C-alpha atoms as a PDB file:
ATOM      1  CA  UNK A   1      97.555  98.316 115.346  1.00  0.00           C
ATOM      2  CA  UNK A   2      98.134 101.160 117.900  1.00  0.00           C
ATOM      3  CA  UNK A   3      98.581 104.742 116.618  1.00  0.00           C
ATOM      4  CA  UNK A   4     100.675 106.621 119.888  1.00  0.00           C
ATOM      5  CA  UNK A   5     101.128 110.598 119.646  1.00  0.00           C
ATOM      6  CA  UNK A   6     104.628 112.137 121.037  1.00  0.00           C
ATOM      7  CA  UNK A   7     104.198 115.260 119.950  1.00  0.00           C
ATOM      8  CA  UNK A   8     101.027 117.182 118.503  1.00  0.00           C
ATOM      9  CA  UNK A   9     102.308 120.609 118.437  1.00  0.00           C
ATOM     10  CA  UNK A  10     102.856 122.755 115.299  1.00  0.00           C
ATOM     11  CA  UNK A  11     106.213 124.358 114.931  1.00  0.00           C
ATOM     12  CA  UNK A  12     106.966 125.091 118.572  1.00  0.00           C
ATOM     13  CA  UNK A  13     106.299 123.235 121.399  1.00  0.00           C
ATOM     14  CA  UNK A  14     104.056 124.567 124.388  1.00  0.00           C
ATOM     15  CA  UNK A  15     104.349 123.418 127.604  1.00  0.00           C
ATOM     16  CA  UNK A  16     101.422 120.557 127.473  1.00  0.00           C
ATOM     17  CA  UNK A  17     102.438 119.591 123.674  1.00  0.00           C
ATOM     18  CA  UNK A  18     105.488 118.441 122.185  1.00  0.00           C
ATOM     19  CA  UNK A  19     106.390 119.024 118.458  1.00  0.00           C
ATOM     20  CA  UNK A  20     105.430 116.347 116.024  1.00  0.00           C
ATOM     21  CA  UNK A  21     106.168 112.448 116.309  1.00  0.00           C
ATOM     22  CA  UNK A  22     104.159 109.451 115.910  1.00  0.00           C
ATOM     23  CA  UNK A  23     104.563 105.880 116.353  1.00  0.00           C
ATOM     24  CA  UNK A  24     102.653 103.039 114.484  1.00  0.00           C
ATOM     25  CA  UNK A  25     102.939  99.461 116.416  1.00  0.00           C
ATOM     26  CA  UNK A  26     102.611  97.079 113.820  1.00  0.00           C
ATOM     27  CA  UNK A  27     101.333  94.236 116.064  1.00  0.00           C
ATOM     28  CA  UNK A  28      99.907  91.996 115.647  1.00  0.00           C
ATOM     29  CA  UNK A  29     101.469  91.697 111.930  1.00  0.00           C
ATOM     30  CA  UNK A  30     105.391  92.406 113.342  1.00  0.00           C
ATOM     31  CA  UNK A  31     106.822  93.085 116.583  1.00  0.00           C
ATOM     32  CA  UNK A  32     108.473  96.246 115.547  1.00  0.00           C
ATOM     33  CA  UNK A  33     107.578 100.054 115.469  1.00  0.00           C
ATOM     34  CA  UNK A  34     107.813 102.485 112.777  1.00  0.00           C
ATOM     35  CA  UNK A  35     107.995 106.440 113.861  1.00  0.00           C
ATOM     36  CA  UNK A  36     106.819 109.156 111.364  1.00  0.00           C
ATOM     37  CA  UNK A  37     108.674 112.200 112.200  1.00  0.00           C
ATOM     38  CA  UNK A  38     111.033 112.858 115.298  1.00  0.00           C
ATOM     39  CA  UNK A  39     110.438 116.254 116.758  1.00  0.00           C
ATOM     40  CA  UNK A  40     112.934 117.617 119.355  1.00  0.00           C
ATOM     41  CA  UNK A  41     112.744 115.769 122.413  1.00  0.00           C
ATOM     42  CA  UNK A  42     110.730 112.919 120.849  1.00  0.00           C
ATOM     43  CA  UNK A  43     113.423 110.503 122.907  1.00  0.00           C
ATOM     44  CA  UNK A  44     112.412 112.105 126.492  1.00  0.00           C
ATOM     45  CA  UNK A  45     108.510 111.659 125.457  1.00  0.00           C
ATOM     46  CA  UNK A  46     109.184 107.785 124.845  1.00  0.00           C
ATOM     47  CA  UNK A  47     110.358 107.518 128.264  1.00  0.00           C
ATOM     48  CA  UNK A  48     107.203 108.049 129.804  1.00  0.00           C
ATOM     49  CA  UNK A  49     106.189 105.141 127.469  1.00  0.00           C
ATOM     50  CA  UNK A  50     106.072 101.392 127.550  1.00  0.00           C
ATOM     51  CA  UNK A  51     107.825 101.628 123.907  1.00  0.00           C
ATOM     52  CA  UNK A  52     111.324 100.415 123.302  1.00  0.00           C
ATOM     53  CA  UNK A  53     113.883 102.228 121.065  1.00  0.00           C
ATOM     54  CA  UNK A  54     115.372  98.816 120.121  1.00  0.00           C
ATOM     55  CA  UNK A  55     112.193  97.883 118.379  1.00  0.00           C
ATOM     56  CA  UNK A  56     112.052 100.903 116.172  1.00  0.00           C
ATOM     57  CA  UNK A  57     113.003  99.730 112.349  1.00  0.00           C
ATOM     58  CA  UNK A  58     112.089 102.269 110.483  1.00  0.00           C
ATOM     59  CA  UNK A  59     111.425 105.931 110.687  1.00  0.00           C
ATOM     60  CA  UNK A  60     109.727 107.675 107.845  1.00  0.00           C
ATOM     61  CA  UNK A  61     110.340 111.862 107.813  1.00  0.00           C
ATOM     62  CA  UNK A  62     107.791 113.900 106.107  1.00  0.00           C
ATOM     63  CA  UNK A  63     110.257 116.857 105.676  1.00  0.00           C
ATOM     64  CA  UNK A  64     112.910 118.478 106.751  1.00  0.00           C
ATOM     65  CA  UNK A  65     111.241 121.619 109.016  1.00  0.00           C
ATOM     66  CA  UNK A  66     112.829 121.249 112.052  1.00  0.00           C
ATOM     67  CA  UNK A  67     109.672 120.610 114.220  1.00  0.00           C
ATOM     68  CA  UNK A  68     109.786 117.193 112.302  1.00  0.00           C
ATOM     69  CA  UNK A  69     113.620 115.915 112.495  1.00  0.00           C
ATOM     70  CA  UNK A  70     115.310 118.248 115.238  1.00  0.00           C
ATOM     71  CA  UNK A  71     114.743 114.802 117.809  1.00  0.00           C
ATOM     72  CA  UNK A  72     116.360 112.524 115.580  1.00  0.00           C
ATOM     73  CA  UNK A  73     120.222 112.760 116.122  1.00  0.00           C
ATOM     74  CA  UNK A  74     119.845 112.407 119.907  1.00  0.00           C
ATOM     75  CA  UNK A  75     117.467 109.538 119.098  1.00  0.00           C
ATOM     76  CA  UNK A  76     119.960 107.533 117.256  1.00  0.00           C
ATOM     77  CA  UNK A  77     122.404 107.918 119.298  1.00  0.00           C
ATOM     78  CA  UNK A  78     120.244 106.633 122.339  1.00  0.00           C
ATOM     79  CA  UNK A  79     119.605 103.732 120.368  1.00  0.00           C
ATOM     80  CA  UNK A  80     122.669 102.309 120.657  1.00  0.00           C
ATOM     81  CA  UNK A  81     122.176 102.262 124.454  1.00  0.00           C
ATOM     82  CA  UNK A  82     118.445 101.139 124.594  1.00  0.00           C
ATOM     83  CA  UNK A  83     118.053  97.594 123.068  1.00  0.00           C
ATOM     84  CA  UNK A  84     118.939  99.147 119.508  1.00  0.00           C
ATOM     85  CA  UNK A  85     122.839  97.394 119.469  1.00  0.00           C
ATOM     86  CA  UNK A  86     122.777  94.908 116.496  1.00  0.00           C
ATOM     87  CA  UNK A  87     119.877  96.299 114.782  1.00  0.00           C
ATOM     88  CA  UNK A  88     119.508  97.967 111.747  1.00  0.00           C
ATOM     89  CA  UNK A  89     117.293 100.947 111.217  1.00  0.00           C
ATOM     90  CA  UNK A  90     115.822 102.177 107.943  1.00  0.00           C
ATOM     91  CA  UNK A  91     115.549 106.275 107.735  1.00  0.00           C
ATOM     92  CA  UNK A  92     112.819 107.211 104.887  1.00  0.00           C
ATOM     93  CA  UNK A  93     112.430 110.497 103.710  1.00  0.00           C
ATOM     94  CA  UNK A  94     113.108 113.660 101.526  1.00  0.00           C
ATOM     95  CA  UNK A  95     116.358 114.238 100.052  1.00  0.00           C
ATOM     96  CA  UNK A  96     118.768 115.720 102.463  1.00  0.00           C
ATOM     97  CA  UNK A  97     117.653 113.616 105.367  1.00  0.00           C
ATOM     98  CA  UNK A  98     120.775 111.193 104.826  1.00  0.00           C
ATOM     99  CA  UNK A  99     123.225 114.686 105.035  1.00  0.00           C
ATOM    100  CA  UNK A 100     121.520 115.708 108.082  1.00  0.00           C
ATOM    101  CA  UNK A 101     121.764 112.786 109.958  1.00  0.00           C
ATOM    102  CA  UNK A 102     125.214 111.874 108.948  1.00  0.00           C
ATOM    103  CA  UNK A 103     126.673 115.656 109.171  1.00  0.00           C
ATOM    104  CA  UNK A 104     125.360 115.869 112.918  1.00  0.00           C
ATOM    105  CA  UNK A 105     126.569 112.366 113.913  1.00  0.00           C
ATOM    106  CA  UNK A 106     130.083 112.856 112.346  1.00  0.00           C
ATOM    107  CA  UNK A 107     130.256 116.651 114.105  1.00  0.00           C
ATOM    108  CA  UNK A 108     129.264 115.508 117.413  1.00  0.00           C
ATOM    109  CA  UNK A 109     131.708 112.393 116.877  1.00  0.00           C
ATOM    110  CA  UNK A 110     128.503 110.099 117.604  1.00  0.00           C
ATOM    111  CA  UNK A 111     129.017 106.235 117.032  1.00  0.00           C
ATOM    112  CA  UNK A 112     126.493 103.856 116.166  1.00  0.00           C
ATOM    113  CA  UNK A 113     126.220 100.235 116.874  1.00  0.00           C
ATOM    114  CA  UNK A 114     124.163  99.202 114.257  1.00  0.00           C
ATOM    115  CA  UNK A 115     123.504  99.951 110.755  1.00  0.00           C
ATOM    116  CA  UNK A 116     121.750 102.906 109.061  1.00  0.00           C
ATOM    117  CA  UNK A 117     120.188 102.539 105.652  1.00  0.00           C
ATOM    118  CA  UNK A 118     118.712 105.673 104.060  1.00  0.00           C
ATOM    119  CA  UNK A 119     116.049 106.309 101.255  1.00  0.00           C
ATOM    120  CA  UNK A 120     115.759 109.394 100.002  1.00  0.00           C
ATOM    121  CA  UNK A 121     112.724 110.491  98.256  1.00  0.00           C
ATOM    122  CA  UNK A 122     112.055 113.063  95.241  1.00  0.00           C
ATOM    123  CA  UNK A 123     108.610 111.842  94.122  1.00  0.00           C
ATOM    124  CA  UNK A 124     106.172 109.125  94.471  1.00  0.00           C
ATOM    125  CA  UNK A 125     107.544 106.281  96.423  1.00  0.00           C
ATOM    126  CA  UNK A 126     106.288 102.492  96.797  1.00  0.00           C
ATOM    127  CA  UNK A 127     107.738  99.940  99.293  1.00  0.00           C
ATOM    128  CA  UNK A 128     107.050  96.683 100.312  1.00  0.00           C
ATOM    129  CA  UNK A 129     108.435  94.929 103.686  1.00  0.00           C
ATOM    130  CA  UNK A 130     107.266  92.209 105.730  1.00  0.00           C
ATOM    131  CA  UNK A 131     103.758  91.747 104.351  1.00  0.00           C
ATOM    132  CA  UNK A 132     103.063  96.024 104.306  1.00  0.00           C
ATOM    133  CA  UNK A 133     102.891  97.987 101.549  1.00  0.00           C
ATOM    134  CA  UNK A 134     103.758 102.095 102.099  1.00  0.00           C
ATOM    135  CA  UNK A 135     103.335 104.618  99.373  1.00  0.00           C
ATOM    136  CA  UNK A 136     104.181 108.105  99.505  1.00  0.00           C
ATOM    137  CA  UNK A 137     103.268 111.231  97.684  1.00  0.00           C
ATOM    138  CA  UNK A 138     104.523 114.568  97.359  1.00  0.00           C
ATOM    139  CA  UNK A 139     101.868 117.372  99.153  1.00  0.00           C
ATOM    140  CA  UNK A 140     101.857 120.941  98.862  1.00  0.00           C
ATOM    141  CA  UNK A 141     103.975 122.763 101.966  1.00  0.00           C
ATOM    142  CA  UNK A 142     106.363 125.623 100.163  1.00  0.00           C
ATOM    143  CA  UNK A 143     109.220 122.510 100.659  1.00  0.00           C
ATOM    144  CA  UNK A 144     109.277 119.322  99.814  1.00  0.00           C
ATOM    145  CA  UNK A 145     106.710 117.129 102.389  1.00  0.00           C
ATOM    146  CA  UNK A 146     105.291 113.638 101.900  1.00  0.00           C
ATOM    147  CA  UNK A 147     102.074 111.655 102.674  1.00  0.00           C
ATOM    148  CA  UNK A 148     102.655 108.234 103.780  1.00  0.00           C
ATOM    149  CA  UNK A 149      99.809 105.244 102.798  1.00  0.00           C
ATOM    150  CA  UNK A 150     100.319 102.298 104.926  1.00  0.00           C
ATOM    151  CA  UNK A 151      98.211  99.418 103.953  1.00  0.00           C
ATOM    152  CA  UNK A 152      98.574  95.767 106.206  1.00  0.00           C
ATOM    153  CA  UNK A 153      99.030  92.678 104.999  1.00  0.00           C
ATOM    154  CA  UNK A 154      95.923  90.946 104.328  1.00  0.00           C
ATOM    155  CA  UNK A 155      94.743  88.059 107.119  1.00  0.00           C
ATOM    156  CA  UNK A 156      93.890  84.510 105.448  1.00  0.00           C
ATOM    157  CA  UNK A 157      90.201  83.711 105.550  1.00  0.00           C
ATOM    158  CA  UNK A 158      88.886  81.082 108.515  1.00  0.00           C
ATOM    159  CA  UNK A 159      89.565  77.505 107.675  1.00  0.00           C
ATOM    160  CA  UNK A 160      86.288  75.996 106.427  1.00  0.00           C
ATOM    161  CA  UNK A 161      86.344  72.810 108.896  1.00  0.00           C
ATOM    162  CA  UNK A 162      83.192  71.357 107.496  1.00  0.00           C
ATOM    163  CA  UNK A 163      84.702  71.119 103.955  1.00  0.00           C
ATOM    164  CA  UNK A 164      88.027  69.926 105.215  1.00  0.00           C
ATOM    165  CA  UNK A 165      86.215  67.134 106.969  1.00  0.00           C
ATOM    166  CA  UNK A 166      84.224  66.133 103.883  1.00  0.00           C
ATOM    167  CA  UNK A 167      88.194  65.261 102.233  1.00  0.00           C
ATOM    168  CA  UNK A 168      88.567  62.868 105.338  1.00  0.00           C
ATOM    169  CA  UNK A 169      90.858  65.466 106.843  1.00  0.00           C
ATOM    170  CA  UNK A 170      89.883  65.758 111.013  1.00  0.00           C
ATOM    171  CA  UNK A 171      91.643  68.618 113.124  1.00  0.00           C
ATOM    172  CA  UNK A 172      94.836  68.907 113.806  1.00  0.00           C
ATOM    173  CA  UNK A 173      98.282  69.808 112.984  1.00  0.00           C
ATOM    174  CA  UNK A 174      97.742  69.678 109.216  1.00  0.00           C
ATOM    175  CA  UNK A 175      94.838  72.787 109.752  1.00  0.00           C
ATOM    176  CA  UNK A 176      97.855  75.191 110.103  1.00  0.00           C
ATOM    177  CA  UNK A 177      99.237  73.925 106.685  1.00  0.00           C
ATOM    178  CA  UNK A 178      96.211  74.435 104.742  1.00  0.00           C
ATOM    179  CA  UNK A 179      95.870  77.914 106.643  1.00  0.00           C
ATOM    180  CA  UNK A 180      99.599  79.345 105.797  1.00  0.00           C
ATOM    181  CA  UNK A 181     100.034  77.475 102.151  1.00  0.00           C
ATOM    182  CA  UNK A 182      98.495  78.085  98.914  1.00  0.00           C
ATOM    183  CA  UNK A 183      98.233  73.858  98.484  1.00  0.00           C
ATOM    184  CA  UNK A 184      98.601  71.420 100.764  1.00  0.00           C
ATOM    185  CA  UNK A 185      98.837  67.389 100.260  1.00  0.00           C
ATOM    186  CA  UNK A 186      96.644  64.997 101.969  1.00  0.00           C
ATOM    187  CA  UNK A 187      96.502  61.182 100.982  1.00  0.00           C
ATOM    188  CA  UNK A 188      98.837  61.698  98.045  1.00  0.00           C
ATOM    189  CA  UNK A 189      96.289  64.180  96.442  1.00  0.00           C
ATOM    190  CA  UNK A 190      97.393  68.000  96.251  1.00  0.00           C
ATOM    191  CA  UNK A 191      94.485  70.642  96.687  1.00  0.00           C
ATOM    192  CA  UNK A 192      94.298  74.433  96.598  1.00  0.00           C
ATOM    193  CA  UNK A 193      94.093  75.526 100.136  1.00  0.00           C
ATOM    194  CA  UNK A 194      92.183  78.407  99.069  1.00  0.00           C
ATOM    195  CA  UNK A 195      89.020  75.857  98.413  1.00  0.00           C
ATOM    196  CA  UNK A 196      88.825  75.163 102.047  1.00  0.00           C
ATOM    197  CA  UNK A 197      89.131  78.814 103.484  1.00  0.00           C
ATOM    198  CA  UNK A 198      87.260  81.823 103.403  1.00  0.00           C
ATOM    199  CA  UNK A 199      88.020  85.106 101.804  1.00  0.00           C
ATOM    200  CA  UNK A 200      90.919  86.869 102.971  1.00  0.00           C
ATOM    201  CA  UNK A 201      90.526  90.128 105.237  1.00  0.00           C
ATOM    202  CA  UNK A 202      92.033  93.244 103.823  1.00  0.00           C
ATOM    203  CA  UNK A 203      94.315  94.898 106.362  1.00  0.00           C
ATOM    204  CA  UNK A 204      94.019  98.546 107.361  1.00  0.00           C
ATOM    205  CA  UNK A 205      94.868 101.338 105.893  1.00  0.00           C
ATOM    206  CA  UNK A 206      96.227 103.835 107.921  1.00  0.00           C
ATOM    207  CA  UNK A 207      97.259 107.371 105.921  1.00  0.00           C
ATOM    208  CA  UNK A 208     100.008 109.813 107.762  1.00  0.00           C
ATOM    209  CA  UNK A 209     100.184 113.416 106.065  1.00  0.00           C
ATOM    210  CA  UNK A 210     102.919 115.996 106.566  1.00  0.00           C
ATOM    211  CA  UNK A 211     102.359 119.503 106.435  1.00  0.00           C
ATOM    212  CA  UNK A 212     100.266 120.627 103.310  1.00  0.00           C
ATOM    213  CA  UNK A 213      97.613 122.983 102.152  1.00  0.00           C
ATOM    214  CA  UNK A 214      94.866 120.729 100.021  1.00  0.00           C
ATOM    215  CA  UNK A 215      96.648 119.347  97.021  1.00  0.00           C
ATOM    216  CA  UNK A 216      95.390 116.763  94.459  1.00  0.00           C
ATOM    217  CA  UNK A 217      98.009 114.111  95.742  1.00  0.00           C
ATOM    218  CA  UNK A 218      96.341 113.658  99.289  1.00  0.00           C
ATOM    219  CA  UNK A 219      93.476 112.158  97.780  1.00  0.00           C
ATOM    220  CA  UNK A 220      94.928 108.858  96.697  1.00  0.00           C
ATOM    221  CA  UNK A 221      97.274 108.569 100.120  1.00  0.00           C
ATOM    222  CA  UNK A 222      93.776 108.878 101.793  1.00  0.00           C
ATOM    223  CA  UNK A 223      91.301 106.708 100.100  1.00  0.00           C
ATOM    224  CA  UNK A 224      89.357 104.474 101.989  1.00  0.00           C
ATOM    225  CA  UNK A 225      91.899 105.035 104.558  1.00  0.00           C
ATOM    226  CA  UNK A 226      90.680 103.356 108.278  1.00  0.00           C
ATOM    227  CA  UNK A 227      92.541 106.178 109.896  1.00  0.00           C
ATOM    228  CA  UNK A 228      93.654 109.424 108.841  1.00  0.00           C
ATOM    229  CA  UNK A 229      96.542 111.400 110.610  1.00  0.00           C
ATOM    230  CA  UNK A 230      96.675 115.016 109.277  1.00  0.00           C
ATOM    231  CA  UNK A 231      97.694 118.230 110.382  1.00  0.00           C
ATOM    232  CA  UNK A 232      95.448 121.161 111.129  1.00  0.00           C
ATOM    233  CA  UNK A 233      97.476 124.176 112.051  1.00  0.00           C
ATOM    234  CA  UNK A 234      94.513 126.033 111.867  1.00  0.00           C
ATOM    235  CA  UNK A 235      90.953 124.214 113.618  1.00  0.00           C
ATOM    236  CA  UNK A 236      88.454 127.812 113.581  1.00  0.00           C
ATOM    237  CA  UNK A 237      88.096 131.117 111.812  1.00  0.00           C
ATOM    238  CA  UNK A 238      89.014 131.557 107.946  1.00  0.00           C
ATOM    239  CA  UNK A 239      91.106 128.817 106.365  1.00  0.00           C
ATOM    240  CA  UNK A 240      92.716 131.536 104.052  1.00  0.00           C
ATOM    241  CA  UNK A 241      95.898 132.279 106.464  1.00  0.00           C
ATOM    242  CA  UNK A 242      96.171 128.349 106.888  1.00  0.00           C
ATOM    243  CA  UNK A 243      96.566 128.140 103.098  1.00  0.00           C
ATOM    244  CA  UNK A 244      98.243 131.091 102.498  1.00  0.00           C
ATOM    245  CA  UNK A 245     101.168 129.565 104.729  1.00  0.00           C
ATOM    246  CA  UNK A 246     101.066 125.997 102.993  1.00  0.00           C
ATOM    247  CA  UNK A 247      98.971 124.372 105.944  1.00  0.00           C
ATOM    248  CA  UNK A 248      95.560 122.792 106.572  1.00  0.00           C
ATOM    249  CA  UNK A 249      92.419 124.344 108.239  1.00  0.00           C
ATOM    250  CA  UNK A 250      89.892 121.887 109.845  1.00  0.00           C
ATOM    251  CA  UNK A 251      87.663 122.672 107.235  1.00  0.00           C
ATOM    252  CA  UNK A 252      90.111 120.854 104.758  1.00  0.00           C
ATOM    253  CA  UNK A 253      90.495 117.921 106.822  1.00  0.00           C
ATOM    254  CA  UNK A 254      86.594 117.048 106.747  1.00  0.00           C
ATOM    255  CA  UNK A 255      86.310 117.894 103.132  1.00  0.00           C
ATOM    256  CA  UNK A 256      89.192 115.267 101.948  1.00  0.00           C
ATOM    257  CA  UNK A 257      87.674 113.068 104.746  1.00  0.00           C
ATOM    258  CA  UNK A 258      84.517 112.907 103.061  1.00  0.00           C
ATOM    259  CA  UNK A 259      85.973 112.925  99.554  1.00  0.00           C
ATOM    260  CA  UNK A 260      88.325 110.161  99.861  1.00  0.00           C
ATOM    261  CA  UNK A 261      85.575 108.131 102.295  1.00  0.00           C
ATOM    262  CA  UNK A 262      88.266 108.160 105.315  1.00  0.00           C
ATOM    263  CA  UNK A 263      86.845 105.999 108.282  1.00  0.00           C
ATOM    264  CA  UNK A 264      88.113 108.413 110.955  1.00  0.00           C
ATOM    265  CA  UNK A 265      90.859 111.157 111.439  1.00  0.00           C
ATOM    266  CA  UNK A 266      92.998 111.931 113.920  1.00  0.00           C
ATOM    267  CA  UNK A 267      93.910 115.554 114.069  1.00  0.00           C
ATOM    268  CA  UNK A 268      97.234 116.587 114.858  1.00  0.00           C
ATOM    269  CA  UNK A 269      99.713 119.763 114.637  1.00  0.00           C
ATOM    270  CA  UNK A 270      98.035 122.199 115.949  1.00  0.00           C
ATOM    271  CA  UNK A 271      99.009 125.627 116.162  1.00  0.00           C
ATOM    272  CA  UNK A 272     100.692 126.663 119.640  1.00  0.00           C
ATOM    273  CA  UNK A 273      98.328 129.401 119.824  1.00  0.00           C
ATOM    274  CA  UNK A 274      95.933 127.099 121.366  1.00  0.00           C
ATOM    275  CA  UNK A 275      95.650 125.955 124.649  1.00  0.00           C
ATOM    276  CA  UNK A 276      94.385 122.819 125.854  1.00  0.00           C
ATOM    277  CA  UNK A 277      90.892 123.824 127.164  1.00  0.00           C
ATOM    278  CA  UNK A 278      90.671 126.106 124.087  1.00  0.00           C
ATOM    279  CA  UNK A 279      91.116 122.893 121.649  1.00  0.00           C
ATOM    280  CA  UNK A 280      88.457 121.029 123.561  1.00  0.00           C
ATOM    281  CA  UNK A 281      86.200 124.179 123.422  1.00  0.00           C
ATOM    282  CA  UNK A 282      86.555 124.092 119.620  1.00  0.00           C
ATOM    283  CA  UNK A 283      85.836 120.519 119.357  1.00  0.00           C
ATOM    284  CA  UNK A 284      82.694 120.907 121.438  1.00  0.00           C
ATOM    285  CA  UNK A 285      81.612 123.548 119.294  1.00  0.00           C
ATOM    286  CA  UNK A 286      82.547 121.571 116.181  1.00  0.00           C
ATOM    287  CA  UNK A 287      80.499 118.603 117.174  1.00  0.00           C
ATOM    288  CA  UNK A 288      77.195 120.620 117.484  1.00  0.00           C
ATOM    289  CA  UNK A 289      77.513 120.872 113.524  1.00  0.00           C
ATOM    290  CA  UNK A 290      75.322 118.790 111.339  1.00  0.00           C
ATOM    291  CA  UNK A 291      77.085 115.025 109.514  1.00  0.00           C
ATOM    292  CA  UNK A 292      80.553 116.031 110.598  1.00  0.00           C
ATOM    293  CA  UNK A 293      83.008 113.098 109.855  1.00  0.00           C
ATOM    294  CA  UNK A 294      84.386 110.703 112.336  1.00  0.00           C
ATOM    295  CA  UNK A 295      87.430 112.752 113.942  1.00  0.00           C
ATOM    296  CA  UNK A 296      89.454 113.857 116.964  1.00  0.00           C
ATOM    297  CA  UNK A 297      91.754 116.121 118.255  1.00  0.00           C
ATOM    298  CA  UNK A 298      94.783 114.461 119.374  1.00  0.00           C
ATOM    299  CA  UNK A 299      96.978 115.445 122.442  1.00  0.00           C
ATOM    300  CA  UNK A 300     100.485 113.872 123.565  1.00  0.00           C
ATOM    301  CA  UNK A 301     100.185 110.350 124.664  1.00  0.00           C
ATOM    302  CA  UNK A 302      97.091 109.979 122.924  1.00  0.00           C
ATOM    303  CA  UNK A 303      96.856 105.936 121.572  1.00  0.00           C
ATOM    304  CA  UNK A 304      94.332 105.082 118.999  1.00  0.00           C
ATOM    305  CA  UNK A 305      93.827 101.019 118.455  1.00  0.00           C
ATOM    306  CA  UNK A 306      93.390 100.216 114.823  1.00  0.00           C
END
């Protein structure tokens, strides 16, 4: 899988950073793409990338602040003309997202040539789709804001060739049946496939957070995540200001990573007060510290392989 950032600024865009939007490419598990938040001009950002709007089949909204949703109506209408015709799209987000989209489309007399399905959240959420498990929990941002935990499907264990040969089954098309099914038949005997495969490999875990100050629900969302995408509106100085505005400081991100055993963190939603040069300088200063967890500040169009 791959995460690509189409917006990494907090609140306001800058000349270098768009407002929030994240794409999660589900390959090799699926040929689809999931978007997390759609800040203003997200569709313009996507034009500079190989991602096609028609491949987006889910959009997850973390909260209703404008820097996370103002690009949604435009992207939805453009999708009708850029490969989305007849391809259903599901939008998942806080209560109000359905009204926002439908009102905007109605007042602008915009008509889509595909079906929209809305799932509005008000508390804990669990969702299954094509082997993926998505859970969501409320954060602490002053308005309803969610963090999403995405667990990819597990991969079947490798075929034990010697074990299959021991029952007389030589390599061939039958091996695919062993790989894909719980049981298989050979010479009038039913076998359990798991007896001829190694242990399955769990899929990667990705945690994607909306805006928040530290809160209890963050731990469950981030627990043992392979990759965590987290806001850090403030990346230096006293963290009191960040928390007073219901945002996170880089120290909060580090604390959560260590508590929840997160392998790597992609830090986004960095205040527009910081230039790219200042962000790089602060990053280099932080790297001088001892025992820091694995992290990086991300810019627009940065990608990360999972």
